[in-house]
Amino acid sequence: MPKMVDADARRTELAEAAWRVILRDGLERASVRNVAREAGLSMGSLRHYFGSQTELLAFAMGLVTERARRRVRALDLASCGPRQAAESMLSEVLPLDAERRAEAEVWLALTGKALVDPILRALRDEAYDGLRELCERSVRALVESDGAVPGLDVDLETERLYAVIDGLTVHAVIRPDLASTETVKAVLARHLAGLCRRA
């Protein structure tokens, strides 16, 4: 009897193989042939799940976003104040451990390709819109709890927080010697503290 394969699980395995190729050899080497080899499959088997390299890379890009969303959703924030909740949620999208660093490296590689690929561009825009929304929700929660500094401009502070998160991600990937995990955490904490009333 033929072995049953979970199609979603196989797609995820193939996307993870694409990540490994991208991380080890660069995006330009993430061809269907190389990813199939990395996954231990034939090209025909890979094409059963992804009809093109673009489909494969789009799924790989979407997997980065989905994993970050899953981590944020899994947080138990019931007993957290708005500042602690913001710090916890935003930390899940920053490259603070090996897994999230790999995700960020893959994300940045694919974001570069999104400049010339409309399918990847749409995924990039959707993910960045989600990050901006998370930043806005965090700032609004501070304001609504009366924990923010008086007169705080929600729109402007959303953009600043969004830029901080994006910048920290880029710096941590490009120069981890300067943007260590401790530094990234400290910058985020200091930025959020600056939005809050002094106790």
N, C-alpha and C. Protein backbone atom coordinates (compact mmCIF):
# COMPACT_ATOMS: atom_id res chain seq x y z
N MET A 1 0.84 -1.17 0.00
CA MET A 1 0.00 0.00 0.00
C MET A 1 0.89 1.24 0.00
N PRO A 2 0.60 2.27 -0.85
CA PRO A 2 1.47 3.44 -0.91
C PRO A 2 1.43 4.24 0.40
N LYS A 3 2.58 4.81 0.73
CA LYS A 3 2.69 5.59 1.95
C LYS A 3 1.94 6.92 1.76
N MET A 4 1.10 7.27 2.74
CA MET A 4 0.37 8.53 2.69
C MET A 4 1.28 9.66 3.17
N VAL A 5 1.29 10.76 2.43
CA VAL A 5 2.13 11.90 2.77
C VAL A 5 1.23 13.08 3.08
N ASP A 6 1.47 13.73 4.19
CA ASP A 6 0.75 14.94 4.56
C ASP A 6 1.30 16.07 3.69
N ALA A 7 0.48 16.58 2.78
CA ALA A 7 0.93 17.58 1.81
C ALA A 7 1.42 18.85 2.49
N ASP A 8 0.73 19.30 3.52
CA ASP A 8 1.16 20.53 4.22
C ASP A 8 2.51 20.32 4.90
N ALA A 9 2.66 19.16 5.53
CA ALA A 9 3.93 18.86 6.20
C ALA A 9 5.06 18.77 5.18
N ARG A 10 4.79 18.18 4.03
CA ARG A 10 5.82 18.07 2.99
C ARG A 10 6.19 19.45 2.45
N ARG A 11 5.19 20.31 2.23
CA ARG A 11 5.49 21.68 1.77
C ARG A 11 6.37 22.41 2.78
N THR A 12 6.06 22.22 4.06
CA THR A 12 6.86 22.86 5.10
C THR A 12 8.28 22.32 5.08
N GLU A 13 8.44 21.01 4.93
CA GLU A 13 9.78 20.41 4.84
C GLU A 13 10.55 20.99 3.66
N LEU A 14 9.88 21.16 2.53
CA LEU A 14 10.54 21.71 1.35
C LEU A 14 10.91 23.18 1.55
N ALA A 15 10.03 23.93 2.21
CA ALA A 15 10.35 25.33 2.51
C ALA A 15 11.55 25.41 3.45
N GLU A 16 11.60 24.51 4.44
CA GLU A 16 12.74 24.49 5.36
C GLU A 16 14.03 24.10 4.62
N ALA A 17 13.92 23.21 3.64
CA ALA A 17 15.08 22.88 2.81
C ALA A 17 15.52 24.11 2.02
N ALA A 18 14.57 24.87 1.50
CA ALA A 18 14.90 26.12 0.79
C ALA A 18 15.60 27.08 1.74
N TRP A 19 15.11 27.18 2.97
CA TRP A 19 15.77 28.04 3.96
C TRP A 19 17.23 27.62 4.14
N ARG A 20 17.46 26.31 4.28
CA ARG A 20 18.84 25.84 4.50
C ARG A 20 19.74 26.20 3.34
N VAL A 21 19.23 26.06 2.12
CA VAL A 21 20.03 26.42 0.94
C VAL A 21 20.31 27.92 0.95
N ILE A 22 19.29 28.72 1.21
CA ILE A 22 19.46 30.18 1.24
C ILE A 22 20.48 30.57 2.30
N LEU A 23 20.37 30.01 3.49
CA LEU A 23 21.27 30.36 4.59
C LEU A 23 22.70 29.91 4.33
N ARG A 24 22.86 28.78 3.72
CA ARG A 24 24.20 28.22 3.49
C ARG A 24 24.85 28.76 2.22
N ASP A 25 24.05 28.84 1.13
CA ASP A 25 24.63 29.11 -0.19
C ASP A 25 24.15 30.42 -0.82
N GLY A 26 23.12 31.04 -0.26
CA GLY A 26 22.59 32.27 -0.83
C GLY A 26 21.34 32.01 -1.65
N LEU A 27 20.56 33.07 -1.81
CA LEU A 27 19.28 32.96 -2.52
C LEU A 27 19.46 32.51 -3.97
N GLU A 28 20.52 32.97 -4.61
CA GLU A 28 20.73 32.62 -6.02
C GLU A 28 20.92 31.12 -6.24
N ARG A 29 21.25 30.39 -5.18
CA ARG A 29 21.44 28.94 -5.29
C ARG A 29 20.18 28.15 -4.91
N ALA A 30 19.11 28.85 -4.55
CA ALA A 30 17.88 28.17 -4.11
C ALA A 30 17.01 27.79 -5.30
N SER A 31 17.60 27.05 -6.22
CA SER A 31 16.86 26.56 -7.39
C SER A 31 16.02 25.35 -7.00
N VAL A 32 15.08 25.01 -7.85
CA VAL A 32 14.26 23.82 -7.61
C VAL A 32 15.17 22.60 -7.47
N ARG A 33 16.15 22.48 -8.34
CA ARG A 33 17.07 21.34 -8.31
C ARG A 33 17.83 21.27 -6.98
N ASN A 34 18.39 22.40 -6.54
CA ASN A 34 19.18 22.39 -5.30
C ASN A 34 18.32 22.16 -4.07
N VAL A 35 17.12 22.71 -4.06
CA VAL A 35 16.23 22.50 -2.92
C VAL A 35 15.76 21.05 -2.88
N ALA A 36 15.45 20.48 -4.04
CA ALA A 36 15.06 19.07 -4.08
C ALA A 36 16.19 18.19 -3.55
N ARG A 37 17.41 18.48 -3.97
CA ARG A 37 18.57 17.72 -3.50
C ARG A 37 18.71 17.86 -1.98
N GLU A 38 18.57 19.08 -1.49
CA GLU A 38 18.67 19.34 -0.04
C GLU A 38 17.62 18.55 0.73
N ALA A 39 16.43 18.43 0.15
CA ALA A 39 15.33 17.72 0.81
C ALA A 39 15.39 16.21 0.60
N GLY A 40 16.31 15.75 -0.25
CA GLY A 40 16.41 14.33 -0.52
C GLY A 40 15.31 13.81 -1.42
N LEU A 41 14.80 14.68 -2.30
CA LEU A 41 13.72 14.31 -3.23
C LEU A 41 14.15 14.54 -4.66
N SER A 42 13.41 13.95 -5.57
CA SER A 42 13.64 14.24 -6.99
C SER A 42 12.98 15.57 -7.33
N MET A 43 13.40 16.17 -8.43
CA MET A 43 12.77 17.42 -8.88
C MET A 43 11.30 17.19 -9.17
N GLY A 44 10.97 16.03 -9.72
CA GLY A 44 9.57 15.71 -10.01
C GLY A 44 8.73 15.67 -8.76
N SER A 45 9.29 15.10 -7.68
CA SER A 45 8.56 15.06 -6.41
C SER A 45 8.33 16.47 -5.87
N LEU A 46 9.35 17.32 -5.96
CA LEU A 46 9.20 18.69 -5.49
C LEU A 46 8.14 19.42 -6.31
N ARG A 47 8.15 19.21 -7.61
CA ARG A 47 7.19 19.89 -8.49
C ARG A 47 5.76 19.42 -8.26
N HIS A 48 5.59 18.29 -7.60
CA HIS A 48 4.25 17.86 -7.21
C HIS A 48 3.64 18.84 -6.20
N TYR A 49 4.51 19.47 -5.39
CA TYR A 49 4.06 20.39 -4.35
C TYR A 49 4.18 21.86 -4.76
N PHE A 50 5.16 22.16 -5.59
CA PHE A 50 5.39 23.54 -6.04
C PHE A 50 5.66 23.52 -7.54
N GLY A 51 4.84 24.22 -8.30
CA GLY A 51 4.98 24.22 -9.75
C GLY A 51 6.13 25.03 -10.28
N SER A 52 6.69 25.90 -9.43
CA SER A 52 7.78 26.77 -9.89
C SER A 52 8.64 27.18 -8.70
N GLN A 53 9.79 27.74 -9.01
CA GLN A 53 10.66 28.27 -7.96
C GLN A 53 9.96 29.40 -7.21
N THR A 54 9.22 30.23 -7.94
CA THR A 54 8.51 31.34 -7.29
C THR A 54 7.50 30.82 -6.28
N GLU A 55 6.75 29.78 -6.62
CA GLU A 55 5.80 29.19 -5.66
C GLU A 55 6.51 28.69 -4.41
N LEU A 56 7.64 28.03 -4.62
CA LEU A 56 8.43 27.51 -3.50
C LEU A 56 8.92 28.64 -2.61
N LEU A 57 9.50 29.68 -3.22
CA LEU A 57 10.03 30.79 -2.45
C LEU A 57 8.92 31.57 -1.75
N ALA A 58 7.77 31.69 -2.40
CA ALA A 58 6.64 32.37 -1.78
C ALA A 58 6.18 31.60 -0.54
N PHE A 59 6.13 30.28 -0.63
CA PHE A 59 5.73 29.49 0.53
C PHE A 59 6.79 29.62 1.63
N ALA A 60 8.07 29.61 1.24
CA ALA A 60 9.15 29.76 2.22
C ALA A 60 9.06 31.11 2.92
N MET A 61 8.72 32.15 2.18
CA MET A 61 8.58 33.48 2.76
C MET A 61 7.37 33.53 3.70
N GLY A 62 6.27 32.96 3.25
CA GLY A 62 5.07 32.92 4.08
C GLY A 62 5.27 32.14 5.36
N LEU A 63 6.13 31.13 5.32
CA LEU A 63 6.41 30.33 6.51
C LEU A 63 7.09 31.17 7.59
N VAL A 64 7.97 32.09 7.19
CA VAL A 64 8.60 32.99 8.16
C VAL A 64 7.53 33.77 8.90
N THR A 65 6.62 34.37 8.14
CA THR A 65 5.55 35.18 8.72
C THR A 65 4.64 34.34 9.61
N GLU A 66 4.27 33.17 9.13
CA GLU A 66 3.36 32.31 9.90
C GLU A 66 3.97 31.89 11.23
N ARG A 67 5.25 31.57 11.24
CA ARG A 67 5.89 31.15 12.50
C ARG A 67 5.93 32.30 13.50
N ALA A 68 6.21 33.50 13.03
CA ALA A 68 6.21 34.65 13.93
C ALA A 68 4.80 34.89 14.49
N ARG A 69 3.80 34.81 13.63
CA ARG A 69 2.41 34.99 14.08
C ARG A 69 2.03 33.94 15.13
N ARG A 70 2.44 32.70 14.87
CA ARG A 70 2.13 31.62 15.80
C ARG A 70 2.75 31.88 17.18
N ARG A 71 3.99 32.35 17.18
CA ARG A 71 4.66 32.63 18.46
C ARG A 71 3.94 33.75 19.21
N VAL A 72 3.56 34.79 18.48
CA VAL A 72 2.85 35.90 19.13
C VAL A 72 1.52 35.43 19.69
N ARG A 73 0.78 34.65 18.90
CA ARG A 73 -0.53 34.15 19.36
C ARG A 73 -0.40 33.22 20.57
N ALA A 74 0.71 32.53 20.70
CA ALA A 74 0.90 31.57 21.79
C ALA A 74 1.26 32.24 23.12
N LEU A 75 1.58 33.52 23.09
CA LEU A 75 1.95 34.21 24.32
C LEU A 75 0.76 34.33 25.26
N ASP A 76 1.02 34.15 26.54
CA ASP A 76 0.00 34.37 27.56
C ASP A 76 0.23 35.77 28.14
N LEU A 77 -0.57 36.71 27.70
CA LEU A 77 -0.39 38.11 28.08
C LEU A 77 -1.44 38.59 29.08
N ALA A 78 -2.22 37.66 29.60
CA ALA A 78 -3.35 38.02 30.47
C ALA A 78 -2.91 38.84 31.68
N SER A 79 -1.76 38.53 32.25
CA SER A 79 -1.34 39.23 33.46
C SER A 79 -0.33 40.34 33.18
N CYS A 80 -0.10 40.64 31.91
CA CYS A 80 0.89 41.66 31.53
C CYS A 80 0.25 43.03 31.41
N GLY A 81 1.00 44.04 31.79
CA GLY A 81 0.61 45.41 31.47
C GLY A 81 0.91 45.67 30.00
N PRO A 82 0.45 46.80 29.46
CA PRO A 82 0.63 47.06 28.03
C PRO A 82 2.09 47.16 27.59
N ARG A 83 2.94 47.72 28.43
CA ARG A 83 4.36 47.82 28.05
C ARG A 83 5.00 46.44 27.99
N GLN A 84 4.75 45.62 29.00
CA GLN A 84 5.32 44.26 29.03
C GLN A 84 4.74 43.43 27.88
N ALA A 85 3.45 43.60 27.60
CA ALA A 85 2.83 42.87 26.49
C ALA A 85 3.47 43.27 25.16
N ALA A 86 3.68 44.57 24.97
CA ALA A 86 4.31 45.05 23.73
C ALA A 86 5.71 44.47 23.60
N GLU A 87 6.47 44.50 24.68
CA GLU A 87 7.83 43.98 24.65
C GLU A 87 7.84 42.48 24.33
N SER A 88 6.93 41.74 24.93
CA SER A 88 6.86 40.29 24.67
C SER A 88 6.49 40.00 23.22
N MET A 89 5.46 40.69 22.71
CA MET A 89 5.02 40.44 21.33
C MET A 89 6.08 40.84 20.33
N LEU A 90 6.65 42.02 20.49
CA LEU A 90 7.63 42.51 19.52
C LEU A 90 8.92 41.69 19.58
N SER A 91 9.26 41.15 20.74
CA SER A 91 10.45 40.29 20.84
C SER A 91 10.32 39.04 19.99
N GLU A 92 9.10 38.59 19.77
CA GLU A 92 8.90 37.37 18.97
C GLU A 92 9.22 37.57 17.49
N VAL A 93 9.25 38.81 17.03
CA VAL A 93 9.58 39.06 15.62
C VAL A 93 11.03 39.50 15.44
N LEU A 94 11.75 39.67 16.53
CA LEU A 94 13.16 40.06 16.46
C LEU A 94 14.06 38.83 16.47
N PRO A 95 15.22 38.90 15.84
CA PRO A 95 16.13 37.74 15.78
C PRO A 95 16.93 37.57 17.07
N LEU A 96 16.26 37.08 18.10
CA LEU A 96 16.86 36.97 19.43
C LEU A 96 17.41 35.59 19.76
N ASP A 97 17.23 34.63 18.87
CA ASP A 97 17.81 33.30 19.06
C ASP A 97 18.13 32.74 17.67
N ALA A 98 18.71 31.55 17.63
CA ALA A 98 19.15 30.98 16.35
C ALA A 98 17.99 30.78 15.38
N GLU A 99 16.86 30.33 15.89
CA GLU A 99 15.69 30.08 15.02
C GLU A 99 15.19 31.38 14.39
N ARG A 100 15.02 32.40 15.22
CA ARG A 100 14.50 33.67 14.71
C ARG A 100 15.55 34.40 13.86
N ARG A 101 16.83 34.19 14.16
CA ARG A 101 17.88 34.78 13.31
C ARG A 101 17.84 34.16 11.92
N ALA A 102 17.68 32.84 11.85
CA ALA A 102 17.57 32.17 10.55
C ALA A 102 16.36 32.69 9.79
N GLU A 103 15.24 32.84 10.48
CA GLU A 103 14.04 33.38 9.83
C GLU A 103 14.30 34.77 9.28
N ALA A 104 14.97 35.61 10.08
CA ALA A 104 15.24 36.98 9.65
C ALA A 104 16.18 37.01 8.45
N GLU A 105 17.18 36.14 8.44
CA GLU A 105 18.11 36.10 7.31
C GLU A 105 17.39 35.67 6.03
N VAL A 106 16.55 34.66 6.14
CA VAL A 106 15.77 34.21 4.98
C VAL A 106 14.83 35.33 4.54
N TRP A 107 14.17 35.96 5.51
CA TRP A 107 13.23 37.04 5.20
C TRP A 107 13.92 38.16 4.43
N LEU A 108 15.09 38.59 4.92
CA LEU A 108 15.78 39.70 4.26
C LEU A 108 16.25 39.31 2.86
N ALA A 109 16.70 38.08 2.68
CA ALA A 109 17.10 37.63 1.34
C ALA A 109 15.91 37.68 0.39
N LEU A 110 14.77 37.18 0.84
CA LEU A 110 13.58 37.15 -0.01
C LEU A 110 12.98 38.53 -0.21
N THR A 111 13.15 39.42 0.77
CA THR A 111 12.67 40.79 0.63
C THR A 111 13.42 41.50 -0.50
N GLY A 112 14.71 41.21 -0.63
CA GLY A 112 15.46 41.77 -1.75
C GLY A 112 14.90 41.32 -3.08
N LYS A 113 14.58 40.04 -3.18
CA LYS A 113 14.00 39.50 -4.42
C LYS A 113 12.61 40.07 -4.67
N ALA A 114 11.91 40.45 -3.60
CA ALA A 114 10.56 41.01 -3.74
C ALA A 114 10.56 42.33 -4.51
N LEU A 115 11.70 42.98 -4.62
CA LEU A 115 11.78 44.21 -5.40
C LEU A 115 11.45 43.98 -6.86
N VAL A 116 11.70 42.75 -7.35
CA VAL A 116 11.47 42.46 -8.77
C VAL A 116 10.47 41.33 -8.99
N ASP A 117 9.88 40.82 -7.92
CA ASP A 117 8.93 39.71 -8.03
C ASP A 117 7.60 40.12 -7.40
N PRO A 118 6.55 40.31 -8.20
CA PRO A 118 5.29 40.81 -7.65
C PRO A 118 4.63 39.86 -6.65
N ILE A 119 4.83 38.57 -6.78
CA ILE A 119 4.24 37.62 -5.82
C ILE A 119 4.90 37.77 -4.46
N LEU A 120 6.23 37.82 -4.45
CA LEU A 120 6.95 38.01 -3.19
C LEU A 120 6.68 39.41 -2.63
N ARG A 121 6.55 40.39 -3.51
CA ARG A 121 6.26 41.76 -3.06
C ARG A 121 4.95 41.81 -2.28
N ALA A 122 3.93 41.12 -2.79
CA ALA A 122 2.63 41.11 -2.10
C ALA A 122 2.75 40.47 -0.72
N LEU A 123 3.51 39.39 -0.62
CA LEU A 123 3.73 38.74 0.68
C LEU A 123 4.52 39.64 1.62
N ARG A 124 5.54 40.31 1.07
CA ARG A 124 6.33 41.24 1.88
C ARG A 124 5.44 42.34 2.44
N ASP A 125 4.64 42.93 1.56
CA ASP A 125 3.78 44.04 1.98
C ASP A 125 2.77 43.60 3.04
N GLU A 126 2.20 42.43 2.85
CA GLU A 126 1.24 41.90 3.83
C GLU A 126 1.91 41.71 5.20
N ALA A 127 3.12 41.16 5.19
CA ALA A 127 3.82 40.93 6.46
C ALA A 127 4.21 42.25 7.12
N TYR A 128 4.71 43.20 6.34
CA TYR A 128 5.08 44.49 6.92
C TYR A 128 3.86 45.25 7.42
N ASP A 129 2.73 45.11 6.73
CA ASP A 129 1.48 45.72 7.22
C ASP A 129 1.09 45.10 8.57
N GLY A 130 1.29 43.78 8.69
CA GLY A 130 0.99 43.11 9.96
C GLY A 130 1.90 43.58 11.08
N LEU A 131 3.19 43.79 10.77
CA LEU A 131 4.13 44.29 11.78
C LEU A 131 3.75 45.71 12.19
N ARG A 132 3.40 46.54 11.22
CA ARG A 132 3.00 47.91 11.54
C ARG A 132 1.74 47.91 12.42
N GLU A 133 0.82 47.01 12.11
CA GLU A 133 -0.41 46.89 12.90
C GLU A 133 -0.09 46.48 14.35
N LEU A 134 0.86 45.57 14.51
CA LEU A 134 1.28 45.15 15.85
C LEU A 134 1.89 46.33 16.61
N CYS A 135 2.69 47.13 15.91
CA CYS A 135 3.28 48.32 16.54
C CYS A 135 2.19 49.31 16.94
N GLU A 136 1.24 49.53 16.05
CA GLU A 136 0.15 50.46 16.35
C GLU A 136 -0.69 49.97 17.54
N ARG A 137 -0.98 48.69 17.55
CA ARG A 137 -1.76 48.11 18.66
C ARG A 137 -1.02 48.30 19.98
N SER A 138 0.31 48.14 19.95
CA SER A 138 1.12 48.30 21.16
C SER A 138 1.09 49.74 21.65
N VAL A 139 1.24 50.69 20.74
CA VAL A 139 1.22 52.10 21.13
C VAL A 139 -0.16 52.50 21.64
N ARG A 140 -1.20 52.07 20.94
CA ARG A 140 -2.57 52.41 21.36
C ARG A 140 -2.88 51.83 22.75
N ALA A 141 -2.40 50.62 23.01
CA ALA A 141 -2.64 50.01 24.33
C ALA A 141 -2.01 50.85 25.44
N LEU A 142 -0.83 51.39 25.18
CA LEU A 142 -0.19 52.27 26.17
C LEU A 142 -1.02 53.52 26.40
N VAL A 143 -1.50 54.12 25.33
CA VAL A 143 -2.30 55.34 25.43
C VAL A 143 -3.61 55.06 26.16
N GLU A 144 -4.29 53.99 25.77
CA GLU A 144 -5.60 53.68 26.35
C GLU A 144 -5.52 53.27 27.82
N SER A 145 -4.37 52.77 28.24
CA SER A 145 -4.20 52.40 29.65
C SER A 145 -3.76 53.59 30.49
N ASP A 146 -3.60 54.73 29.84
CA ASP A 146 -3.12 55.95 30.48
C ASP A 146 -1.67 55.77 30.96
N GLY A 147 -0.96 54.84 30.31
CA GLY A 147 0.43 54.61 30.69
C GLY A 147 1.42 55.36 29.81
N ALA A 148 0.93 55.99 28.75
CA ALA A 148 1.82 56.70 27.82
C ALA A 148 2.07 58.12 28.30
N VAL A 149 3.17 58.70 27.83
CA VAL A 149 3.44 60.11 28.15
C VAL A 149 2.29 60.96 27.60
N PRO A 150 1.94 62.02 28.29
CA PRO A 150 0.82 62.86 27.83
C PRO A 150 1.10 63.44 26.44
N GLY A 151 0.04 63.51 25.63
CA GLY A 151 0.14 64.12 24.31
C GLY A 151 0.85 63.27 23.27
N LEU A 152 1.03 62.00 23.55
CA LEU A 152 1.75 61.12 22.61
C LEU A 152 1.00 61.03 21.28
N ASP A 153 1.70 61.22 20.19
CA ASP A 153 1.12 61.14 18.84
C ASP A 153 1.16 59.67 18.40
N VAL A 154 0.01 59.02 18.40
CA VAL A 154 -0.06 57.58 18.13
C VAL A 154 0.50 57.25 16.75
N ASP A 155 0.13 58.02 15.74
CA ASP A 155 0.60 57.72 14.38
C ASP A 155 2.12 57.85 14.27
N LEU A 156 2.65 58.93 14.81
CA LEU A 156 4.10 59.14 14.74
C LEU A 156 4.84 58.08 15.55
N GLU A 157 4.36 57.78 16.73
CA GLU A 157 5.04 56.78 17.57
C GLU A 157 4.91 55.37 17.01
N THR A 158 3.82 55.12 16.30
CA THR A 158 3.71 53.83 15.60
C THR A 158 4.81 53.72 14.55
N GLU A 159 5.02 54.78 13.78
CA GLU A 159 6.06 54.76 12.75
C GLU A 159 7.45 54.63 13.37
N ARG A 160 7.67 55.31 14.49
CA ARG A 160 8.98 55.20 15.14
C ARG A 160 9.23 53.79 15.65
N LEU A 161 8.22 53.20 16.29
CA LEU A 161 8.38 51.83 16.81
C LEU A 161 8.58 50.84 15.67
N TYR A 162 7.84 51.02 14.61
CA TYR A 162 7.97 50.18 13.41
C TYR A 162 9.38 50.27 12.85
N ALA A 163 9.92 51.49 12.78
CA ALA A 163 11.29 51.69 12.28
C ALA A 163 12.32 51.07 13.22
N VAL A 164 12.08 51.16 14.52
CA VAL A 164 13.00 50.56 15.49
C VAL A 164 13.04 49.04 15.31
N ILE A 165 11.88 48.41 15.20
CA ILE A 165 11.83 46.95 15.05
C ILE A 165 12.50 46.52 13.75
N ASP A 166 12.17 47.21 12.67
CA ASP A 166 12.75 46.88 11.37
C ASP A 166 14.27 47.09 11.40
N GLY A 167 14.70 48.21 11.96
CA GLY A 167 16.13 48.51 12.03
C GLY A 167 16.89 47.52 12.89
N LEU A 168 16.33 47.17 14.04
CA LEU A 168 16.98 46.20 14.91
C LEU A 168 17.14 44.85 14.21
N THR A 169 16.12 44.46 13.45
CA THR A 169 16.19 43.19 12.72
C THR A 169 17.33 43.22 11.71
N VAL A 170 17.40 44.28 10.93
CA VAL A 170 18.45 44.40 9.91
C VAL A 170 19.83 44.43 10.57
N HIS A 171 19.98 45.24 11.61
CA HIS A 171 21.28 45.34 12.28
C HIS A 171 21.70 44.01 12.90
N ALA A 172 20.76 43.31 13.52
CA ALA A 172 21.10 42.03 14.17
C ALA A 172 21.53 40.98 13.15
N VAL A 173 20.98 41.05 11.94
CA VAL A 173 21.37 40.10 10.90
C VAL A 173 22.69 40.51 10.26
N ILE A 174 22.82 41.79 9.92
CA ILE A 174 23.99 42.25 9.18
C ILE A 174 25.22 42.38 10.08
N ARG A 175 25.04 42.90 11.29
CA ARG A 175 26.17 43.10 12.21
C ARG A 175 25.85 42.55 13.60
N PRO A 176 25.74 41.23 13.72
CA PRO A 176 25.43 40.66 15.04
C PRO A 176 26.51 40.96 16.08
N ASP A 177 27.72 41.28 15.63
CA ASP A 177 28.78 41.63 16.57
C ASP A 177 28.48 42.96 17.27
N LEU A 178 27.74 43.84 16.60
CA LEU A 178 27.38 45.13 17.19
C LEU A 178 25.96 45.13 17.75
N ALA A 179 25.08 44.38 17.13
CA ALA A 179 23.68 44.31 17.57
C ALA A 179 23.42 42.93 18.18
N SER A 180 24.02 42.70 19.33
CA SER A 180 23.86 41.41 20.02
C SER A 180 22.43 41.27 20.53
N THR A 181 22.09 40.07 20.95
CA THR A 181 20.77 39.83 21.52
C THR A 181 20.51 40.77 22.69
N GLU A 182 21.50 40.94 23.55
CA GLU A 182 21.34 41.81 24.72
C GLU A 182 21.11 43.26 24.29
N THR A 183 21.84 43.71 23.28
CA THR A 183 21.69 45.08 22.79
C THR A 183 20.31 45.28 22.18
N VAL A 184 19.87 44.33 21.37
CA VAL A 184 18.55 44.43 20.73
C VAL A 184 17.46 44.50 21.80
N LYS A 185 17.54 43.63 22.79
CA LYS A 185 16.54 43.65 23.88
C LYS A 185 16.56 44.98 24.62
N ALA A 186 17.77 45.49 24.90
CA ALA A 186 17.90 46.74 25.65
C ALA A 186 17.35 47.92 24.86
N VAL A 187 17.61 47.96 23.55
CA VAL A 187 17.10 49.06 22.72
C VAL A 187 15.57 49.03 22.69
N LEU A 188 14.99 47.85 22.51
CA LEU A 188 13.53 47.75 22.50
C LEU A 188 12.96 48.19 23.85
N ALA A 189 13.53 47.71 24.94
CA ALA A 189 13.03 48.07 26.27
C ALA A 189 13.15 49.57 26.50
N ARG A 190 14.27 50.16 26.11
CA ARG A 190 14.47 51.60 26.30
C ARG A 190 13.48 52.40 25.46
N HIS A 191 13.26 51.95 24.23
CA HIS A 191 12.32 52.67 23.37
C HIS A 191 10.92 52.65 23.97
N LEU A 192 10.48 51.48 24.40
CA LEU A 192 9.14 51.38 25.00
C LEU A 192 9.04 52.19 26.29
N ALA A 193 10.11 52.18 27.08
CA ALA A 193 10.11 52.97 28.32
C ALA A 193 9.96 54.45 28.01
N GLY A 194 10.54 54.89 26.90
CA GLY A 194 10.45 56.29 26.51
C GLY A 194 9.05 56.72 26.12
N LEU A 195 8.19 55.76 25.81
CA LEU A 195 6.80 56.08 25.47
C LEU A 195 5.92 56.17 26.71
N CYS A 196 6.45 55.73 27.84
CA CYS A 196 5.63 55.59 29.05
C CYS A 196 5.87 56.73 30.04
N ARG A 197 4.83 56.99 30.83
CA ARG A 197 4.95 57.95 31.93
C ARG A 197 6.01 57.44 32.90
N ARG A 198 6.70 58.35 33.53
CA ARG A 198 7.65 57.95 34.57
C ARG A 198 6.87 57.62 35.84
N ALA A 199 7.30 56.56 36.52
CA ALA A 199 6.59 56.14 37.74
C ALA A 199 6.88 57.10 38.88
